PDB file of N, CA and C in Angstrom:
ATOM      1  N   MET A   1     317.077 211.301 181.225  1.00  0.00           N
ATOM      2  CA  MET A   1     315.729 211.888 180.652  1.00  0.00           C
ATOM      3  C   MET A   1     315.344 211.242 179.277  1.00  0.00           C
ATOM      4  N   VAL A   2     314.253 211.183 178.945  1.00  0.00           N
ATOM      5  CA  VAL A   2     313.718 210.519 177.713  1.00  0.00           C
ATOM      6  C   VAL A   2     313.497 211.681 176.761  1.00  0.00           C
ATOM      7  N   SER A   3     313.965 211.383 175.527  1.00  0.00           N
ATOM      8  CA  SER A   3     313.764 212.227 174.407  1.00  0.00           C
ATOM      9  C   SER A   3     312.385 212.050 173.637  1.00  0.00           C
ATOM     10  N   LEU A   4     311.844 213.102 172.965  1.00  0.00           N
ATOM     11  CA  LEU A   4     310.703 212.927 172.283  1.00  0.00           C
ATOM     12  C   LEU A   4     310.930 213.990 170.909  1.00  0.00           C
ATOM     13  N   THR A   5     310.697 213.241 169.863  1.00  0.00           N
ATOM     14  CA  THR A   5     310.792 214.014 168.662  1.00  0.00           C
ATOM     15  C   THR A   5     309.510 214.444 167.977  1.00  0.00           C
ATOM     16  N   LEU A   6     309.071 215.511 167.525  1.00  0.00           N
ATOM     17  CA  LEU A   6     307.813 215.763 167.042  1.00  0.00           C
ATOM     18  C   LEU A   6     308.068 215.969 165.678  1.00  0.00           C
ATOM     19  N   LYS A   7     307.194 215.504 164.599  1.00  0.00           N
ATOM     20  CA  LYS A   7     307.324 215.555 163.422  1.00  0.00           C
ATOM     21  C   LYS A   7     305.836 216.076 162.772  1.00  0.00           C
ATOM     22  N   ASP A   8     306.060 216.847 161.725  1.00  0.00           N
ATOM     23  CA  ASP A   8     304.769 217.227 161.073  1.00  0.00           C
ATOM     24  C   ASP A   8     303.687 218.208 161.670  1.00  0.00           C
ATOM     25  N   ILE A   9     304.367 219.070 162.747  1.00  0.00           N
ATOM     26  CA  ILE A   9     303.764 219.845 163.369  1.00  0.00           C
ATOM     27  C   ILE A   9     302.943 221.080 162.458  1.00  0.00           C
ATOM     28  N   PRO A  10     301.713 221.135 162.653  1.00  0.00           N
ATOM     29  CA  PRO A  10     301.080 222.056 161.573  1.00  0.00           C
ATOM     30  C   PRO A  10     301.590 223.361 161.882  1.00  0.00           C
ATOM     31  N   PRO A  11     301.918 224.321 160.944  1.00  0.00           N
ATOM     32  CA  PRO A  11     302.544 225.730 160.637  1.00  0.00           C
ATOM     33  C   PRO A  11     301.937 226.546 161.597  1.00  0.00           C
ATOM     34  N   GLU A  12     300.722 226.669 161.947  1.00  0.00           N
ATOM     35  CA  GLU A  12     299.975 227.446 162.788  1.00  0.00           C
ATOM     36  C   GLU A  12     300.241 227.081 164.104  1.00  0.00           C
ATOM     37  N   VAL A  13     300.396 225.812 164.480  1.00  0.00           N
ATOM     38  CA  VAL A  13     300.554 225.471 165.883  1.00  0.00           C
ATOM     39  C   VAL A  13     302.107 225.892 166.283  1.00  0.00           C
ATOM     40  N   HIS A  14     303.097 225.618 165.245  1.00  0.00           N
ATOM     41  CA  HIS A  14     304.434 226.064 165.424  1.00  0.00           C
ATOM     42  C   HIS A  14     304.572 227.522 165.602  1.00  0.00           C
ATOM     43  N   ARG A  15     303.961 228.537 164.699  1.00  0.00           N
ATOM     44  CA  ARG A  15     303.882 229.942 164.885  1.00  0.00           C
ATOM     45  C   ARG A  15     303.475 230.303 166.238  1.00  0.00           C
ATOM     46  N   ARG A  16     302.295 229.679 166.657  1.00  0.00           N
ATOM     47  CA  ARG A  16     301.840 230.075 167.941  1.00  0.00           C
ATOM     48  C   ARG A  16     302.767 229.713 169.059  1.00  0.00           C
ATOM     49  N   LEU A  17     303.211 228.550 168.997  1.00  0.00           N
ATOM     50  CA  LEU A  17     304.071 228.162 170.022  1.00  0.00           C
ATOM     51  C   LEU A  17     305.314 229.084 170.213  1.00  0.00           C
ATOM     52  N   LYS A  18     305.872 229.420 168.888  1.00  0.00           N
ATOM     53  CA  LYS A  18     306.990 230.229 168.942  1.00  0.00           C
ATOM     54  C   LYS A  18     306.706 231.806 169.371  1.00  0.00           C
ATOM     55  N   GLU A  19     305.394 232.163 169.197  1.00  0.00           N
ATOM     56  CA  GLU A  19     305.121 233.464 169.655  1.00  0.00           C
ATOM     57  C   GLU A  19     304.930 233.490 171.293  1.00  0.00           C
ATOM     58  N   ARG A  20     304.369 232.323 171.826  1.00  0.00           N
ATOM     59  CA  ARG A  20     304.090 232.024 173.207  1.00  0.00           C
ATOM     60  C   ARG A  20     305.800 231.980 173.861  1.00  0.00           C
ATOM     61  N   ALA A  21     306.468 231.399 173.170  1.00  0.00           N
ATOM     62  CA  ALA A  21     307.901 231.327 173.857  1.00  0.00           C
ATOM     63  C   ALA A  21     308.566 232.734 173.764  1.00  0.00           C
ATOM     64  N   HIS A  22     308.420 233.439 172.756  1.00  0.00           N
ATOM     65  CA  HIS A  22     308.989 234.848 172.864  1.00  0.00           C
ATOM     66  C   HIS A  22     308.206 235.655 173.962  1.00  0.00           C
ATOM     67  N   ARG A  23     306.967 235.813 174.025  1.00  0.00           N
ATOM     68  CA  ARG A  23     306.216 236.451 175.138  1.00  0.00           C
ATOM     69  C   ARG A  23     306.805 235.956 176.329  1.00  0.00           C
ATOM     70  N   ASN A  24     306.923 234.627 176.752  1.00  0.00           N
ATOM     71  CA  ASN A  24     307.447 234.232 177.961  1.00  0.00           C
ATOM     72  C   ASN A  24     308.843 234.277 178.193  1.00  0.00           C
ATOM     73  N   GLY A  25     309.719 234.646 177.249  1.00  0.00           N
ATOM     74  CA  GLY A  25     311.051 234.633 177.423  1.00  0.00           C
ATOM     75  C   GLY A  25     311.718 233.240 177.697  1.00  0.00           C
ATOM     76  N   ARG A  26     311.158 232.205 176.885  1.00  0.00           N
ATOM     77  CA  ARG A  26     311.618 230.961 176.802  1.00  0.00           C
ATOM     78  C   ARG A  26     311.865 230.591 175.461  1.00  0.00           C
ATOM     79  N   SER A  27     312.882 229.579 175.457  1.00  0.00           N
ATOM     80  CA  SER A  27     313.040 228.939 174.121  1.00  0.00           C
ATOM     81  C   SER A  27     311.938 228.169 173.460  1.00  0.00           C
ATOM     82  N   LEU A  28     311.945 227.680 172.311  1.00  0.00           N
ATOM     83  CA  LEU A  28     310.798 227.046 171.767  1.00  0.00           C
ATOM     84  C   LEU A  28     310.835 225.660 172.385  1.00  0.00           C
ATOM     85  N   LEU A  29     311.822 224.952 172.747  1.00  0.00           N
ATOM     86  CA  LEU A  29     311.758 223.740 173.425  1.00  0.00           C
ATOM     87  C   LEU A  29     311.378 223.870 174.707  1.00  0.00           C
ATOM     88  N   SER A  30     311.790 224.992 175.501  1.00  0.00           N
ATOM     89  CA  SER A  30     311.150 225.022 176.936  1.00  0.00           C
ATOM     90  C   SER A  30     309.719 225.399 176.971  1.00  0.00           C
ATOM     91  N   GLU A  31     309.194 226.193 176.029  1.00  0.00           N
ATOM     92  CA  GLU A  31     307.744 226.564 175.857  1.00  0.00           C
ATOM     93  C   GLU A  31     307.050 225.316 175.625  1.00  0.00           C
ATOM     94  N   ALA A  32     307.580 224.375 174.495  1.00  0.00           N
ATOM     95  CA  ALA A  32     306.795 223.134 174.188  1.00  0.00           C
ATOM     96  C   ALA A  32     306.715 222.417 175.469  1.00  0.00           C
ATOM     97  N   MET A  33     307.869 222.229 176.156  1.00  0.00           N
ATOM     98  CA  MET A  33     307.842 221.256 177.637  1.00  0.00           C
ATOM     99  C   MET A  33     306.794 221.953 178.438  1.00  0.00           C
ATOM    100  N   THR A  34     306.937 223.150 178.710  1.00  0.00           N
ATOM    101  CA  THR A  34     305.833 223.733 179.687  1.00  0.00           C
ATOM    102  C   THR A  34     304.475 223.470 179.240  1.00  0.00           C
ATOM    103  N   CYS A  35     304.147 223.565 178.071  1.00  0.00           N
ATOM    104  CA  CYS A  35     302.781 223.194 177.513  1.00  0.00           C
ATOM    105  C   CYS A  35     302.446 221.825 177.851  1.00  0.00           C
ATOM    106  N   LEU A  36     303.565 221.052 177.611  1.00  0.00           N
ATOM    107  CA  LEU A  36     303.158 219.511 177.665  1.00  0.00           C
ATOM    108  C   LEU A  36     303.064 219.372 179.163  1.00  0.00           C
ATOM    109  N   GLN A  37     303.854 219.773 180.113  1.00  0.00           N
ATOM    110  CA  GLN A  37     303.617 219.488 181.402  1.00  0.00           C
ATOM    111  C   GLN A  37     302.575 220.183 182.105  1.00  0.00           C
ATOM    112  N   GLN A  38     301.909 221.182 181.633  1.00  0.00           N
ATOM    113  CA  GLN A  38     300.780 221.665 181.925  1.00  0.00           C
ATOM    114  C   GLN A  38     299.390 220.974 181.667  1.00  0.00           C
ATOM    115  N   ALA A  39     299.539 220.347 180.296  1.00  0.00           N
ATOM    116  CA  ALA A  39     298.429 219.621 179.674  1.00  0.00           C
ATOM    117  C   ALA A  39     298.399 218.188 180.381  1.00  0.00           C
ATOM    118  N   VAL A  40     299.594 217.556 180.766  1.00  0.00           N
ATOM    119  CA  VAL A  40     299.304 216.400 181.303  1.00  0.00           C
ATOM    120  C   VAL A  40     299.626 216.257 182.647  1.00  0.00           C
ATOM    121  N   LEU A  41     300.285 217.099 183.536  1.00  0.00           N
ATOM    122  CA  LEU A  41     300.396 216.953 184.824  1.00  0.00           C
ATOM    123  C   LEU A  41     299.367 217.705 185.587  1.00  0.00           C
ATOM    124  N   SER A  42     298.688 218.659 184.861  1.00  0.00           N
ATOM    125  CA  SER A  42     297.410 219.462 185.703  1.00  0.00           C
ATOM    126  C   SER A  42     296.468 218.389 186.274  1.00  0.00           C
ATOM    127  N   GLU A  43     295.757 218.851 187.363  1.00  0.00           N
ATOM    128  CA  GLU A  43     294.779 217.987 187.982  1.00  0.00           C
ATOM    129  C   GLU A  43     293.424 218.710 187.536  1.00  0.00           C
ATOM    130  N   ARG A  44     292.388 217.702 187.404  1.00  0.00           N
ATOM    131  CA  ARG A  44     291.007 218.117 187.099  1.00  0.00           C
ATOM    132  C   ARG A  44     290.434 218.817 188.384  1.00  0.00           C
ATOM    133  N   ILE A  45     289.780 219.859 188.172  1.00  0.00           N
ATOM    134  CA  ILE A  45     288.993 220.504 189.252  1.00  0.00           C
ATOM    135  C   ILE A  45     287.845 219.887 189.325  1.00  0.00           C
ATOM    136  N   ASP A  46     287.319 219.552 190.641  1.00  0.00           N
ATOM    137  CA  ASP A  46     285.980 218.963 191.150  1.00  0.00           C
ATOM    138  C   ASP A  46     285.179 220.385 191.044  1.00  0.00           C
ATOM    139  N   VAL A  47     284.232 220.569 190.132  1.00  0.00           N
ATOM    140  CA  VAL A  47     283.533 221.799 189.762  1.00  0.00           C
ATOM    141  C   VAL A  47     282.600 221.944 191.199  1.00  0.00           C
ATOM    142  N   ASP A  48     281.938 220.958 191.427  1.00  0.00           N
ATOM    143  CA  ASP A  48     280.947 221.151 192.886  1.00  0.00           C
ATOM    144  C   ASP A  48     281.897 221.624 194.191  1.00  0.00           C
ATOM    145  N   GLU A  49     283.242 221.108 194.278  1.00  0.00           N
ATOM    146  CA  GLU A  49     283.895 221.338 195.377  1.00  0.00           C
ATOM    147  C   GLU A  49     284.347 222.787 195.234  1.00  0.00           C
ATOM    148  N   PHE A  50     284.674 223.296 193.857  1.00  0.00           N
ATOM    149  CA  PHE A  50     285.016 224.686 193.801  1.00  0.00           C
ATOM    150  C   PHE A  50     284.005 225.615 194.014  1.00  0.00           C
ATOM    151  N   VAL A  51     282.952 225.288 193.495  1.00  0.00           N
ATOM    152  CA  VAL A  51     281.604 226.219 193.797  1.00  0.00           C
ATOM    153  C   VAL A  51     281.278 226.218 195.100  1.00  0.00           C
ATOM    154  N   ALA A  52     281.448 225.093 195.771  1.00  0.00           N
ATOM    155  CA  ALA A  52     281.343 225.035 197.244  1.00  0.00           C
ATOM    156  C   ALA A  52     282.174 226.073 197.872  1.00  0.00           C
ATOM    157  N   ARG A  53     283.465 226.042 197.716  1.00  0.00           N
ATOM    158  CA  ARG A  53     284.658 226.849 198.309  1.00  0.00           C
ATOM    159  C   ARG A  53     284.385 228.304 197.947  1.00  0.00           C
ATOM    160  N   ALA A  54     283.969 228.628 196.642  1.00  0.00           N
ATOM    161  CA  ALA A  54     283.786 229.881 196.251  1.00  0.00           C
ATOM    162  C   ALA A  54     282.602 230.590 197.047  1.00  0.00           C
ATOM    163  N   THR A  55     281.517 229.778 197.237  1.00  0.00           N
ATOM    164  CA  THR A  55     280.259 230.196 197.862  1.00  0.00           C
ATOM    165  C   THR A  55     280.747 230.553 199.256  1.00  0.00           C
ATOM    166  N   ALA A  56     281.477 229.653 200.050  1.00  0.00           N
ATOM    167  CA  ALA A  56     281.742 229.894 201.279  1.00  0.00           C
ATOM    168  C   ALA A  56     282.771 231.208 201.551  1.00  0.00           C
ATOM    169  N   VAL A  57     283.490 231.499 200.472  1.00  0.00           N
ATOM    170  CA  VAL A  57     284.424 232.553 200.522  1.00  0.00           C
ATOM    171  C   VAL A  57     283.406 233.893 200.529  1.00  0.00           C
ATOM    172  N   ARG A  58     282.511 233.790 199.451  1.00  0.00           N
ATOM    173  CA  ARG A  58     281.575 235.034 199.271  1.00  0.00           C
ATOM    174  C   ARG A  58     280.788 235.282 200.677  1.00  0.00           C
ATOM    175  N   GLU A  59     280.191 234.176 201.144  1.00  0.00           N
ATOM    176  CA  GLU A  59     279.452 234.386 202.154  1.00  0.00           C
ATOM    177  C   GLU A  59     280.306 235.068 203.225  1.00  0.00           C
ATOM    178  N   GLN A  60     281.613 234.750 203.663  1.00  0.00           N
ATOM    179  CA  GLN A  60     282.513 235.106 204.608  1.00  0.00           C
ATOM    180  C   GLN A  60     282.589 236.708 204.430  1.00  0.00           C
ATOM    181  N   ALA A  61     282.730 237.045 203.068  1.00  0.00           N
ATOM    182  CA  ALA A  61     283.138 238.392 202.788  1.00  0.00           C
ATOM    183  C   ALA A  61     281.858 239.405 203.041  1.00  0.00           C
ATOM    184  N   ALA A  62     280.692 238.737 203.059  1.00  0.00           N
ATOM    185  CA  ALA A  62     279.522 239.573 203.058  1.00  0.00           C
ATOM    186  C   ALA A  62     279.243 240.874 202.215  1.00  0.00           C
ATOM    187  N   VAL A  63     279.888 240.701 201.103  1.00  0.00           N
ATOM    188  CA  VAL A  63     279.845 241.989 200.144  1.00  0.00           C
ATOM    189  C   VAL A  63     278.851 241.536 198.977  1.00  0.00           C
ATOM    190  N   TYR A  64     277.796 242.226 198.896  1.00  0.00           N
ATOM    191  CA  TYR A  64     277.006 241.853 197.612  1.00  0.00           C
ATOM    192  C   TYR A  64     276.519 243.049 197.098  1.00  0.00           C
ATOM    193  N   LEU A  65     276.729 243.112 195.764  1.00  0.00           N
ATOM    194  CA  LEU A  65     276.310 243.968 194.950  1.00  0.00           C
ATOM    195  C   LEU A  65     275.109 243.821 193.840  1.00  0.00           C
ATOM    196  N   THR A  66     274.497 244.804 193.723  1.00  0.00           N
ATOM    197  CA  THR A  66     273.336 244.592 192.770  1.00  0.00           C
ATOM    198  C   THR A  66     273.709 244.784 191.342  1.00  0.00           C
ATOM    199  N   GLU A  67     273.132 244.183 190.372  1.00  0.00           N
ATOM    200  CA  GLU A  67     273.526 244.454 188.930  1.00  0.00           C
ATOM    201  C   GLU A  67     273.746 245.863 188.691  1.00  0.00           C
ATOM    202  N   SER A  68     272.694 246.643 189.053  1.00  0.00           N
ATOM    203  CA  SER A  68     272.874 247.989 188.952  1.00  0.00           C
ATOM    204  C   SER A  68     274.087 248.742 189.442  1.00  0.00           C
ATOM    205  N   GLU A  69     274.495 248.376 190.829  1.00  0.00           N
ATOM    206  CA  GLU A  69     275.584 248.780 191.509  1.00  0.00           C
ATOM    207  C   GLU A  69     276.761 248.485 190.914  1.00  0.00           C
ATOM    208  N   LEU A  70     276.766 247.267 190.466  1.00  0.00           N
ATOM    209  CA  LEU A  70     278.168 246.616 189.625  1.00  0.00           C
ATOM    210  C   LEU A  70     278.176 247.510 188.411  1.00  0.00           C
ATOM    211  N   SER A  71     277.059 247.675 187.616  1.00  0.00           N
ATOM    212  CA  SER A  71     277.240 248.455 186.300  1.00  0.00           C
ATOM    213  C   SER A  71     277.563 249.920 186.653  1.00  0.00           C
ATOM    214  N   LYS A  72     277.032 250.530 187.528  1.00  0.00           N
ATOM    215  CA  LYS A  72     277.504 251.972 187.967  1.00  0.00           C
ATOM    216  C   LYS A  72     279.076 252.100 188.400  1.00  0.00           C
ATOM    217  N   ALA A  73     279.492 250.997 189.107  1.00  0.00           N
ATOM    218  CA  ALA A  73     280.904 250.990 189.364  1.00  0.00           C
ATOM    219  C   ALA A  73     281.681 250.948 188.267  1.00  0.00           C
ATOM    220  N   LYS A  74     281.319 250.166 187.258  1.00  0.00           N
ATOM    221  CA  LYS A  74     282.150 249.812 185.987  1.00  0.00           C
ATOM    222  C   LYS A  74     282.117 251.138 185.298  1.00  0.00           C
ATOM    223  N   ARG A  75     281.025 251.864 185.033  1.00  0.00           N
ATOM    224  CA  ARG A  75     280.858 253.197 184.193  1.00  0.00           C
ATOM    225  C   ARG A  75     281.742 254.197 184.855  1.00  0.00           C
ATOM    226  N   GLU A  76     281.697 254.482 186.140  1.00  0.00           N
ATOM    227  CA  GLU A  76     282.278 255.466 186.933  1.00  0.00           C
ATOM    228  C   GLU A  76     283.773 255.170 187.224  1.00  0.00           C
ATOM    229  N   GLY A  77     284.141 253.946 186.978  1.00  0.00           N
ATOM    230  CA  GLY A  77     285.686 253.518 187.402  1.00  0.00           C
ATOM    231  C   GLY A  77     285.771 253.212 188.866  1.00  0.00           C
ATOM    232  N   ARG A  78     286.756 252.472 189.098  1.00  0.00           N
ATOM    233  CA  ARG A  78     287.121 251.941 190.407  1.00  0.00           C
ATOM    234  C   ARG A  78     287.953 252.863 191.148  1.00  0.00           C
ATOM    235  N   PRO A  79     287.685 253.105 192.540  1.00  0.00           N
ATOM    236  CA  PRO A  79     288.618 254.082 193.244  1.00  0.00           C
ATOM    237  C   PRO A  79     289.988 253.279 193.407  1.00  0.00           C
TER     238      PRO A  79
END
């Protein structure tokens, strides 16, 4: 495995990375590795394809709420 040394990391970036590591129960190194992997290895989403799939799912569900119905549900709480 290849090693990488990072220098001159801005204090705010270091602090936030350290907080993330703590929240996620990881070491600082493990959190940095996870962030790098997510940034470099993630694939771009084809927005048009995503919208088409979301539209198809919505049409299959056949559940449509008006804005007023949605607002009312939010005010009253969900069952």
